[in-house]
N, C-alpha and C. Protein backbone atom coordinates (compact mmCIF):
# COMPACT_ATOMS: atom_id res chain seq x y z
N UNK A 1 0.76 -1.18 0.03
CA UNK A 1 -0.03 0.05 -0.03
C UNK A 1 0.92 1.27 -0.02
N UNK A 2 2.15 1.14 -0.39
CA UNK A 2 2.96 2.35 -0.52
C UNK A 2 2.28 3.36 -1.27
N UNK A 3 2.47 4.54 -0.77
CA UNK A 3 1.83 5.79 -1.47
C UNK A 3 0.43 6.09 -1.08
N UNK A 4 -0.16 5.39 -0.19
CA UNK A 4 -1.62 5.48 0.23
C UNK A 4 -1.53 6.34 1.55
N UNK A 5 -2.70 6.99 1.83
CA UNK A 5 -2.76 7.65 3.19
C UNK A 5 -2.50 6.67 4.27
N UNK A 6 -1.79 7.15 5.26
CA UNK A 6 -1.50 6.40 6.61
C UNK A 6 -0.76 5.24 6.35
N UNK A 7 -0.21 4.94 5.23
CA UNK A 7 0.55 3.76 4.99
C UNK A 7 2.13 3.96 5.26
N UNK A 8 2.71 3.03 5.95
CA UNK A 8 4.07 3.05 6.21
C UNK A 8 4.68 1.83 5.53
N UNK A 9 5.68 1.99 4.64
CA UNK A 9 6.29 0.91 3.94
C UNK A 9 7.64 0.81 4.35
N UNK A 10 8.15 -0.34 4.77
CA UNK A 10 9.57 -0.54 5.13
C UNK A 10 10.28 -1.30 4.04
N UNK A 11 11.34 -0.79 3.50
CA UNK A 11 12.01 -1.47 2.35
C UNK A 11 13.49 -1.50 2.49
N UNK A 12 14.19 -2.24 1.75
CA UNK A 12 15.56 -2.34 1.70
C UNK A 12 16.08 -1.54 0.52
N UNK A 13 17.42 -1.54 0.27
CA UNK A 13 18.00 -0.81 -0.78
C UNK A 13 17.34 -1.15 -2.14
N UNK A 14 16.69 -2.27 -2.26
CA UNK A 14 16.19 -2.69 -3.52
C UNK A 14 15.09 -1.74 -3.95
N UNK A 15 14.39 -1.11 -3.01
CA UNK A 15 13.34 -0.16 -3.38
C UNK A 15 13.86 1.10 -4.17
N UNK A 16 15.08 1.30 -4.07
CA UNK A 16 15.60 2.46 -4.81
C UNK A 16 15.65 2.31 -6.33
N UNK A 17 15.64 1.04 -6.74
CA UNK A 17 15.90 0.73 -8.16
C UNK A 17 14.64 0.27 -8.75
N UNK A 18 14.17 1.04 -9.96
CA UNK A 18 12.97 0.61 -10.60
C UNK A 18 11.69 0.54 -9.86
N UNK A 19 11.61 1.21 -8.76
CA UNK A 19 10.43 1.36 -8.06
C UNK A 19 9.60 2.65 -8.25
N UNK A 20 8.53 2.56 -8.66
CA UNK A 20 7.68 3.83 -8.93
C UNK A 20 6.46 3.74 -8.07
N UNK A 21 6.49 4.56 -6.99
CA UNK A 21 5.41 4.48 -6.06
C UNK A 21 4.30 5.52 -6.46
N UNK A 22 3.12 5.08 -6.76
CA UNK A 22 2.07 6.10 -7.18
C UNK A 22 1.30 6.55 -5.93
N UNK A 23 1.10 7.84 -5.94
CA UNK A 23 0.37 8.42 -4.86
C UNK A 23 -1.11 8.12 -4.94
N UNK A 24 -1.66 7.81 -3.67
CA UNK A 24 -3.00 7.53 -3.60
C UNK A 24 -3.83 8.81 -3.51
N UNK A 25 -5.16 8.66 -3.43
CA UNK A 25 -6.02 9.83 -3.46
C UNK A 25 -5.80 10.69 -2.29
N UNK A 26 -5.53 11.96 -2.39
CA UNK A 26 -5.39 12.91 -1.34
C UNK A 26 -3.93 13.06 -0.76
N UNK A 27 -3.10 12.22 -1.23
CA UNK A 27 -1.70 12.16 -0.61
C UNK A 27 -1.00 13.38 -1.17
N UNK A 28 -1.22 13.74 -2.43
CA UNK A 28 -0.57 14.94 -3.04
C UNK A 28 -0.85 16.19 -2.20
N UNK A 29 -2.01 16.32 -1.81
CA UNK A 29 -2.49 17.51 -1.05
C UNK A 29 -1.94 17.49 0.31
N UNK A 30 -1.46 16.38 0.86
CA UNK A 30 -0.92 16.31 2.23
C UNK A 30 0.58 16.45 2.13
N UNK A 31 1.21 16.64 0.96
CA UNK A 31 2.64 16.83 0.86
C UNK A 31 3.44 15.83 0.11
N UNK A 32 2.78 14.73 -0.33
CA UNK A 32 3.27 13.72 -0.97
C UNK A 32 4.03 12.61 -0.24
N UNK A 33 4.89 11.94 -0.93
CA UNK A 33 5.65 10.71 -0.25
C UNK A 33 6.82 11.26 0.46
N UNK A 34 7.07 10.71 1.72
CA UNK A 34 8.18 11.06 2.55
C UNK A 34 9.10 9.78 2.64
N UNK A 35 10.40 9.92 2.33
CA UNK A 35 11.31 8.81 2.29
C UNK A 35 12.28 9.13 3.53
N UNK A 36 12.34 8.17 4.45
CA UNK A 36 13.30 8.36 5.66
C UNK A 36 14.26 7.15 5.50
N UNK A 37 15.46 7.66 5.28
CA UNK A 37 16.67 6.65 5.27
C UNK A 37 17.29 6.53 6.67
N UNK A 38 17.66 5.49 7.19
CA UNK A 38 18.20 5.19 8.48
C UNK A 38 19.67 4.99 8.53
N UNK A 39 20.24 4.91 7.41
CA UNK A 39 21.70 4.77 7.28
C UNK A 39 22.17 5.31 5.86
N UNK A 40 23.32 5.62 5.68
CA UNK A 40 23.82 5.87 4.36
C UNK A 40 24.51 4.70 3.67
N UNK A 41 24.41 4.64 2.45
CA UNK A 41 25.02 3.71 1.61
C UNK A 41 26.56 3.94 1.38
N UNK A 42 27.36 3.12 1.04
CA UNK A 42 28.65 3.38 0.63
C UNK A 42 28.72 4.21 -0.68
N UNK A 43 27.77 3.99 -1.55
CA UNK A 43 27.57 4.73 -2.79
C UNK A 43 26.58 5.82 -2.77
N UNK A 44 26.98 7.00 -3.05
CA UNK A 44 26.08 8.12 -3.04
C UNK A 44 24.94 7.93 -3.98
N UNK A 45 25.33 7.26 -5.16
CA UNK A 45 24.29 6.99 -6.22
C UNK A 45 23.09 6.18 -5.61
N UNK A 46 23.36 5.23 -4.71
CA UNK A 46 22.32 4.35 -4.12
C UNK A 46 21.46 5.34 -3.27
N UNK A 47 22.11 6.17 -2.52
CA UNK A 47 21.27 7.10 -1.61
C UNK A 47 20.47 8.03 -2.47
N UNK A 48 20.97 8.42 -3.64
CA UNK A 48 20.18 9.39 -4.55
C UNK A 48 19.06 8.60 -5.19
N UNK A 49 19.26 7.28 -5.41
CA UNK A 49 18.15 6.55 -6.00
C UNK A 49 17.01 6.43 -5.05
N UNK A 50 17.40 6.21 -3.76
CA UNK A 50 16.37 6.16 -2.70
C UNK A 50 15.67 7.50 -2.63
N UNK A 51 16.45 8.52 -2.55
CA UNK A 51 15.90 9.98 -2.41
C UNK A 51 14.94 10.18 -3.56
N UNK A 52 15.30 9.70 -4.73
CA UNK A 52 14.49 9.91 -5.91
C UNK A 52 13.16 9.24 -5.95
N UNK A 53 12.92 8.39 -4.95
CA UNK A 53 11.49 7.84 -4.80
C UNK A 53 10.42 8.78 -4.60
N UNK A 54 10.80 9.88 -3.92
CA UNK A 54 9.77 10.88 -3.60
C UNK A 54 9.92 12.06 -4.60
N UNK A 55 8.81 12.75 -4.75
CA UNK A 55 8.83 13.96 -5.61
C UNK A 55 8.96 13.57 -7.16
N UNK A 56 8.40 12.43 -7.52
CA UNK A 56 8.50 11.99 -8.86
C UNK A 56 7.47 12.58 -9.74
N UNK A 57 7.78 12.73 -10.98
CA UNK A 57 6.75 13.10 -12.07
C UNK A 57 6.06 14.48 -11.64
N UNK A 58 6.88 15.33 -10.97
CA UNK A 58 6.23 16.59 -10.51
C UNK A 58 5.42 16.67 -9.20
N UNK A 59 5.28 15.38 -8.61
CA UNK A 59 4.55 15.25 -7.39
C UNK A 59 5.33 15.81 -6.27
N UNK A 60 4.72 16.35 -5.15
CA UNK A 60 5.48 16.72 -3.92
C UNK A 60 6.02 15.62 -3.23
N UNK A 61 7.01 15.87 -2.50
CA UNK A 61 7.58 14.78 -1.57
C UNK A 61 8.86 15.38 -0.99
N UNK A 62 9.34 14.56 -0.04
CA UNK A 62 10.65 14.90 0.68
C UNK A 62 11.38 13.69 1.13
N UNK A 63 12.64 13.79 1.45
CA UNK A 63 13.46 12.70 1.84
C UNK A 63 14.33 13.17 2.98
N UNK A 64 14.65 12.33 4.00
CA UNK A 64 15.55 12.75 5.05
C UNK A 64 16.39 11.46 5.36
N UNK A 65 17.53 11.70 5.74
CA UNK A 65 18.46 10.65 6.21
C UNK A 65 18.79 10.89 7.60
N UNK A 66 18.64 9.94 8.52
CA UNK A 66 19.06 10.12 9.93
C UNK A 66 20.32 9.26 10.14
N UNK A 67 21.33 9.92 10.81
CA UNK A 67 22.60 9.25 10.99
C UNK A 67 22.94 9.43 12.44
N UNK A 68 23.86 8.63 12.97
CA UNK A 68 24.42 8.70 14.24
C UNK A 68 25.82 9.29 14.21
N UNK A 69 26.31 10.08 15.24
CA UNK A 69 27.65 10.45 15.32
C UNK A 69 28.58 9.33 15.27
N UNK A 70 28.10 8.14 15.53
CA UNK A 70 29.01 6.91 15.67
C UNK A 70 29.06 6.31 14.10
N UNK A 71 28.24 6.81 13.20
CA UNK A 71 28.27 6.09 11.90
C UNK A 71 29.53 6.64 11.16
N UNK A 72 30.06 5.74 10.31
CA UNK A 72 31.18 6.08 9.40
C UNK A 72 30.61 6.66 8.19
N UNK A 73 30.96 7.92 7.91
CA UNK A 73 30.45 8.69 6.75
C UNK A 73 31.57 8.90 5.73
């Protein structure tokens, strides 16, 4: 149910490639899809693919990554 109101979808790095999440009714008006990353990948390209799942085709959206001071960056 990714992209629907009140839906939470948990995915691995595989969600960054070839995944097109369509927004459900009313989701665009609420700000669109929000992507939250809980760690950074070794490759910036992979992070950018994940980030690119939101705000597609002109739809609104946002992405945020959360890291720890203990993470290797």
